[in-house]
């Protein structure tokens, strides 16, 4: 009997990611610019905004970057080696079903050699770890415990193939966020920043996605990059915490003395990760948008 043809699945994030924007797209949509040629996302994560925009703009040129080499490697392998990746994920799916806890911690402790093996490890851990959280210890080691899933969908073949097709023309690289200044330069460029959020409580850093914490000085540096891009006429959007510090730095007339102060829009979001379960639920976040200069 011949194998059934793969079903078509709309491309969407293939990784679970803390702070992912899939559920917020409807609130963001009114603020996305209509006219642009190249889309940049310097904090890629799960890529929800990219997947949405790529379907709205079929000829979209996309430059997707992040400082996390494991994440970028996974995207590149989905784009370039999806069938090989699927074979490895099938193996993980099978082995996880035999003794999920022992197998999870064995995979988590291993170092793999090839890019595809590393990508399969990341996707496997992402689909089976606690809340899909990516977190590293001070040594750069993934240290999230196993999640409580009865039958996790580790190998989403149709989704991976769909994503692979969409990523074919995307430029995907490891870069620091400020390197965007070497590329985005005109009103035909659109940049969306989704940085690690400014912590609003002592436990907020639980969602940190790398061993390099995004300190207050980095938030100010990002604000300055935002202002420079806006001055060039680049269309810029940024997500962050709804707190006095973020509101203040994006209202600073000295930082935005050559361009209008950005718009600040409150977004209603769900927080699913907090060490205190009572603090999970609806919260307000900020969506900050550059204002185009009339010419």
Protein backbone atom coordinates (compact mmCIF):
# COMPACT_ATOMS: atom_id res chain seq x y z
CA UNK A 1 0.00 0.00 0.00
CA UNK A 2 1.44 3.35 -0.98
CA UNK A 3 1.96 6.00 1.66
CA UNK A 4 -0.70 8.67 1.82
CA UNK A 5 0.19 12.10 0.45
CA UNK A 6 1.21 14.65 3.09
CA UNK A 7 -1.58 17.01 4.07
CA UNK A 8 -1.07 20.73 3.63
CA UNK A 9 -0.51 22.64 6.87
CA UNK A 10 -0.25 26.41 7.04
CA UNK A 11 3.23 27.39 8.20
CA UNK A 12 3.36 28.56 11.82
CA UNK A 13 5.90 28.42 14.65
CA UNK A 14 7.39 24.92 14.95
CA UNK A 15 8.86 25.70 18.38
CA UNK A 16 7.05 26.52 21.58
CA UNK A 17 8.63 29.72 22.88
CA UNK A 18 8.16 31.65 26.11
CA UNK A 19 6.63 34.99 25.19
CA UNK A 20 5.60 33.77 21.73
CA UNK A 21 3.30 36.15 19.85
CA UNK A 22 0.91 33.77 18.07
CA UNK A 23 -2.05 34.73 20.26
CA UNK A 24 -1.28 38.45 19.99
CA UNK A 25 -1.19 38.75 16.21
CA UNK A 26 -4.82 39.91 16.08
CA UNK A 27 -3.97 42.85 18.36
CA UNK A 28 -0.77 43.65 16.45
CA UNK A 29 -2.31 43.45 13.00
CA UNK A 30 -3.72 47.03 12.88
CA UNK A 31 -0.23 48.41 13.50
CA UNK A 32 1.73 46.43 10.92
CA UNK A 33 2.83 48.69 8.05
CA UNK A 34 1.17 48.02 4.70
CA UNK A 35 4.07 48.84 2.41
CA UNK A 36 7.57 47.43 2.86
CA UNK A 37 9.91 45.11 0.98
CA UNK A 38 12.28 43.61 3.56
CA UNK A 39 11.32 42.35 7.00
CA UNK A 40 13.89 42.02 9.80
CA UNK A 41 13.40 40.16 13.07
CA UNK A 42 16.54 40.42 15.27
CA UNK A 43 15.09 38.44 18.23
CA UNK A 44 13.66 35.53 16.28
CA UNK A 45 12.41 33.14 18.97
CA UNK A 46 9.33 31.29 17.73
CA UNK A 47 8.95 33.66 14.77
CA UNK A 48 5.16 34.12 15.01
CA UNK A 49 5.19 37.60 13.48
CA UNK A 50 7.34 36.41 10.58
CA UNK A 51 5.04 33.48 9.82
CA UNK A 52 2.02 35.79 9.80
CA UNK A 53 3.61 38.46 7.61
CA UNK A 54 5.08 35.93 5.17
CA UNK A 55 1.58 34.65 4.43
CA UNK A 56 0.21 38.16 4.01
CA UNK A 57 3.09 39.21 1.74
CA UNK A 58 3.96 36.26 -0.56
CA UNK A 59 7.06 37.97 -2.00
CA UNK A 60 8.39 39.04 1.38
CA UNK A 61 12.15 39.26 1.74
CA UNK A 62 13.00 38.25 5.31
CA UNK A 63 16.16 38.49 7.38
CA UNK A 64 15.79 36.43 10.56
CA UNK A 65 18.46 36.65 13.24
CA UNK A 66 19.13 35.86 16.89
CA UNK A 67 22.12 35.55 19.23
CA UNK A 68 21.18 31.97 20.08
CA UNK A 69 23.20 29.70 17.74
CA UNK A 70 21.17 26.60 18.68
CA UNK A 71 17.97 28.34 17.64
CA UNK A 72 19.38 29.64 14.36
CA UNK A 73 20.82 26.23 13.56
CA UNK A 74 17.36 24.69 14.03
CA UNK A 75 15.80 27.16 11.60
CA UNK A 76 18.55 26.55 9.04
CA UNK A 77 18.12 22.78 9.29
CA UNK A 78 14.36 23.04 8.88
CA UNK A 79 14.99 25.13 5.77
CA UNK A 80 17.82 23.10 4.26
CA UNK A 81 17.66 19.53 5.65
CA UNK A 82 14.05 18.96 6.62
CA UNK A 83 13.79 15.29 5.58
CA UNK A 84 16.95 14.33 7.46
CA UNK A 85 15.65 16.26 10.46
CA UNK A 86 12.30 14.45 10.32
CA UNK A 87 14.06 11.07 10.39
CA UNK A 88 15.93 12.01 13.56
CA UNK A 89 12.80 13.39 15.21
CA UNK A 90 10.98 10.16 14.39
CA UNK A 91 13.68 8.34 16.36
CA UNK A 92 13.28 10.72 19.29
CA UNK A 93 9.50 10.22 19.18
CA UNK A 94 9.91 6.46 19.34
CA UNK A 95 12.52 6.43 22.12
CA UNK A 96 10.65 8.99 24.21
CA UNK A 97 7.61 6.72 24.22
CA UNK A 98 9.59 3.90 25.87
CA UNK A 99 10.87 5.71 28.96
CA UNK A 100 10.28 9.42 28.58
CA UNK A 101 12.01 10.68 31.73
CA UNK A 102 15.20 8.67 31.40
CA UNK A 103 15.44 9.38 27.68
CA UNK A 104 14.77 13.12 28.13
CA UNK A 105 17.60 13.62 30.60
CA UNK A 106 19.93 11.43 28.55
CA UNK A 107 19.33 13.59 25.46
CA UNK A 108 19.59 16.79 27.50
CA UNK A 109 23.02 15.76 28.81
CA UNK A 110 24.43 14.76 25.40
CA UNK A 111 26.52 16.78 22.98
CA UNK A 112 25.74 16.09 19.33
CA UNK A 113 28.17 16.61 16.45
CA UNK A 114 26.20 17.38 13.29
CA UNK A 115 23.99 20.41 12.77
CA UNK A 116 20.96 18.24 12.06
CA UNK A 117 21.48 16.18 15.24
CA UNK A 118 21.73 19.41 17.23
CA UNK A 119 18.55 20.76 15.63
CA UNK A 120 16.66 17.53 16.34
CA UNK A 121 17.84 17.66 19.97
CA UNK A 122 16.61 21.23 20.36
CA UNK A 123 13.21 20.49 18.83
CA UNK A 124 12.84 17.31 20.89
CA UNK A 125 13.68 19.09 24.14
CA UNK A 126 11.45 22.01 23.19
CA UNK A 127 8.45 19.73 22.63
CA UNK A 128 8.98 17.81 25.88
CA UNK A 129 10.45 20.25 28.40
CA UNK A 130 8.58 22.34 30.94
CA UNK A 131 6.37 24.91 29.16
CA UNK A 132 8.57 24.94 26.05
CA UNK A 133 10.99 27.15 27.96
CA UNK A 134 14.49 27.79 26.64
CA UNK A 135 16.89 28.50 29.48
CA UNK A 136 20.64 28.08 29.92
CA UNK A 137 22.77 27.96 33.03
CA UNK A 138 25.99 29.96 33.47
CA UNK A 139 27.89 27.35 31.44
CA UNK A 140 25.54 27.73 28.48
CA UNK A 141 23.91 24.35 29.13
CA UNK A 142 20.19 23.80 28.57
CA UNK A 143 18.80 23.09 32.03
CA UNK A 144 14.99 23.00 31.84
CA UNK A 145 13.32 19.98 33.49
CA UNK A 146 11.01 17.60 31.67
CA UNK A 147 7.41 18.70 31.22
CA UNK A 148 4.27 16.78 32.13
CA UNK A 149 3.01 15.64 28.74
CA UNK A 150 1.27 12.32 28.15
CA UNK A 151 1.85 12.17 24.40
CA UNK A 152 3.89 15.12 23.08
CA UNK A 153 3.86 15.66 19.31
CA UNK A 154 7.61 15.63 18.75
CA UNK A 155 7.75 15.09 15.00
CA UNK A 156 5.27 17.37 13.21
CA UNK A 157 6.16 16.27 9.69
CA UNK A 158 3.63 18.25 7.67
CA UNK A 159 4.29 21.43 9.66
CA UNK A 160 8.07 21.11 9.29
CA UNK A 161 7.76 20.63 5.54
CA UNK A 162 5.44 23.61 5.25
CA UNK A 163 7.82 25.79 7.28
CA UNK A 164 10.77 24.55 5.24
CA UNK A 165 9.09 25.71 2.04
CA UNK A 166 8.31 29.13 3.51
CA UNK A 167 11.88 29.60 4.76
CA UNK A 168 13.45 28.81 1.37
CA UNK A 169 14.20 32.44 0.52
CA UNK A 170 14.79 33.69 4.07
CA UNK A 171 18.21 34.83 5.22
CA UNK A 172 18.85 33.24 8.64
CA UNK A 173 21.93 34.13 10.67
CA UNK A 174 23.40 34.49 14.16
CA UNK A 175 23.66 38.22 14.86
CA UNK A 176 23.49 40.67 17.75
CA UNK A 177 20.46 42.94 17.62
CA UNK A 178 22.48 46.13 17.04
CA UNK A 179 23.88 44.72 13.79
CA UNK A 180 20.53 45.63 12.26
CA UNK A 181 22.04 49.11 11.79
CA UNK A 182 24.30 47.63 9.10
CA UNK A 183 21.31 46.57 7.02
CA UNK A 184 17.96 48.31 7.54
CA UNK A 185 18.21 51.81 6.15
CA UNK A 186 15.10 52.98 4.27
CA UNK A 187 11.32 53.23 4.45
CA UNK A 188 11.16 49.98 2.48
CA UNK A 189 12.46 48.14 5.56
CA UNK A 190 10.34 46.94 8.51
CA UNK A 191 11.98 45.83 11.76
CA UNK A 192 10.19 44.08 14.61
CA UNK A 193 12.00 43.71 17.93
CA UNK A 194 10.84 41.16 20.51
CA UNK A 195 13.64 41.36 23.10
CA UNK A 196 13.78 39.69 26.50
CA UNK A 197 11.25 41.75 28.45
CA UNK A 198 12.27 44.18 31.15
CA UNK A 199 11.57 42.36 34.46
CA UNK A 200 8.62 43.72 36.42
CA UNK A 201 9.11 41.39 39.39
CA UNK A 202 11.85 39.41 41.11
CA UNK A 203 10.77 36.26 39.25
CA UNK A 204 10.38 37.75 35.78
CA UNK A 205 13.86 36.68 34.70
CA UNK A 206 12.63 33.07 34.87
CA UNK A 207 11.90 33.46 31.15
CA UNK A 208 15.48 34.43 30.26
CA UNK A 209 16.42 32.55 27.12
CA UNK A 210 20.20 32.58 27.34
CA UNK A 211 22.94 32.76 29.92
CA UNK A 212 23.53 36.40 28.91
CA UNK A 213 20.94 38.41 30.79
CA UNK A 214 19.43 41.37 28.97
CA UNK A 215 20.30 44.10 31.42
CA UNK A 216 18.91 47.64 31.76
CA UNK A 217 21.85 48.97 29.77
CA UNK A 218 20.92 46.63 26.90
CA UNK A 219 17.35 47.94 26.96
CA UNK A 220 18.66 51.49 26.59
CA UNK A 221 21.01 50.41 23.80
CA UNK A 222 18.05 48.82 22.03
CA UNK A 223 16.07 52.05 22.46
CA UNK A 224 18.91 53.95 20.79
CA UNK A 225 18.95 51.45 17.88
CA UNK A 226 15.17 51.90 17.56
CA UNK A 227 15.61 55.70 17.44
CA UNK A 228 18.39 55.49 14.83
CA UNK A 229 16.29 53.24 12.60
CA UNK A 230 13.28 55.55 12.94
CA UNK A 231 15.45 58.50 11.96
CA UNK A 232 16.40 56.66 8.77
CA UNK A 233 12.71 56.23 7.95
CA UNK A 234 12.70 52.50 8.74
CA UNK A 235 9.36 51.24 10.04
CA UNK A 236 9.95 49.88 13.56
CA UNK A 237 7.85 47.97 16.09
CA UNK A 238 8.89 46.63 19.48
CA UNK A 239 7.24 44.57 22.22
CA UNK A 240 8.14 44.92 25.88
CA UNK A 241 6.87 45.10 29.44
CA UNK A 242 4.23 47.63 30.37
CA UNK A 243 6.24 49.36 33.08
CA UNK A 244 7.48 52.81 34.00
CA UNK A 245 11.05 52.18 32.87
CA UNK A 246 10.11 51.11 29.33
CA UNK A 247 7.50 53.85 29.01
CA UNK A 248 10.06 56.43 30.09
CA UNK A 249 12.91 55.47 27.79
CA UNK A 250 10.60 55.40 24.74
CA UNK A 251 9.21 58.82 25.70
CA UNK A 252 12.63 60.44 26.08
CA UNK A 253 12.65 63.52 23.84
CA UNK A 254 16.46 63.57 23.84
CA UNK A 255 16.62 60.06 22.38
CA UNK A 256 13.96 60.91 19.78
CA UNK A 257 14.87 64.54 19.17
CA UNK A 258 14.98 64.12 15.36
CA UNK A 259 11.85 61.97 15.04
CA UNK A 260 8.41 61.89 16.69
CA UNK A 261 8.05 60.08 20.00
CA UNK A 262 6.91 56.50 19.23
CA UNK A 263 3.34 55.39 19.83
CA UNK A 264 2.83 53.18 22.88
CA UNK A 265 -0.12 50.78 22.66
CA UNK A 266 -1.25 48.56 25.52
CA UNK A 267 -1.71 44.91 24.54
CA UNK A 268 -3.57 42.33 26.62
CA UNK A 269 -1.50 39.16 26.89
CA UNK A 270 -1.57 35.89 28.79
CA UNK A 271 1.37 35.02 31.00
CA UNK A 272 1.88 31.27 31.22
CA UNK A 273 5.25 31.13 32.97
CA UNK A 274 5.78 32.34 36.52
CA UNK A 275 7.21 30.54 39.54
CA UNK A 276 4.07 31.67 41.39
CA UNK A 277 1.01 30.12 39.72
CA UNK A 278 -1.19 32.85 41.19
CA UNK A 279 0.60 35.43 39.04
CA UNK A 280 -0.15 33.68 35.77
CA UNK A 281 -2.95 35.04 33.62
CA UNK A 282 -3.81 38.27 31.79
CA UNK A 283 -1.27 41.08 31.85
CA UNK A 284 -0.71 44.28 29.90
CA UNK A 285 2.26 44.58 27.58
CA UNK A 286 3.45 47.43 25.37
CA UNK A 287 3.64 47.55 21.61
CA UNK A 288 5.82 50.48 20.60
CA UNK A 289 5.64 51.78 17.02
CA UNK A 290 7.73 54.39 15.23
CA UNK A 291 5.82 57.32 13.75
CA UNK A 292 6.50 58.04 10.09
CA UNK A 293 7.82 61.52 9.37
CA UNK A 294 5.71 63.59 6.95
CA UNK A 295 7.75 64.68 3.93
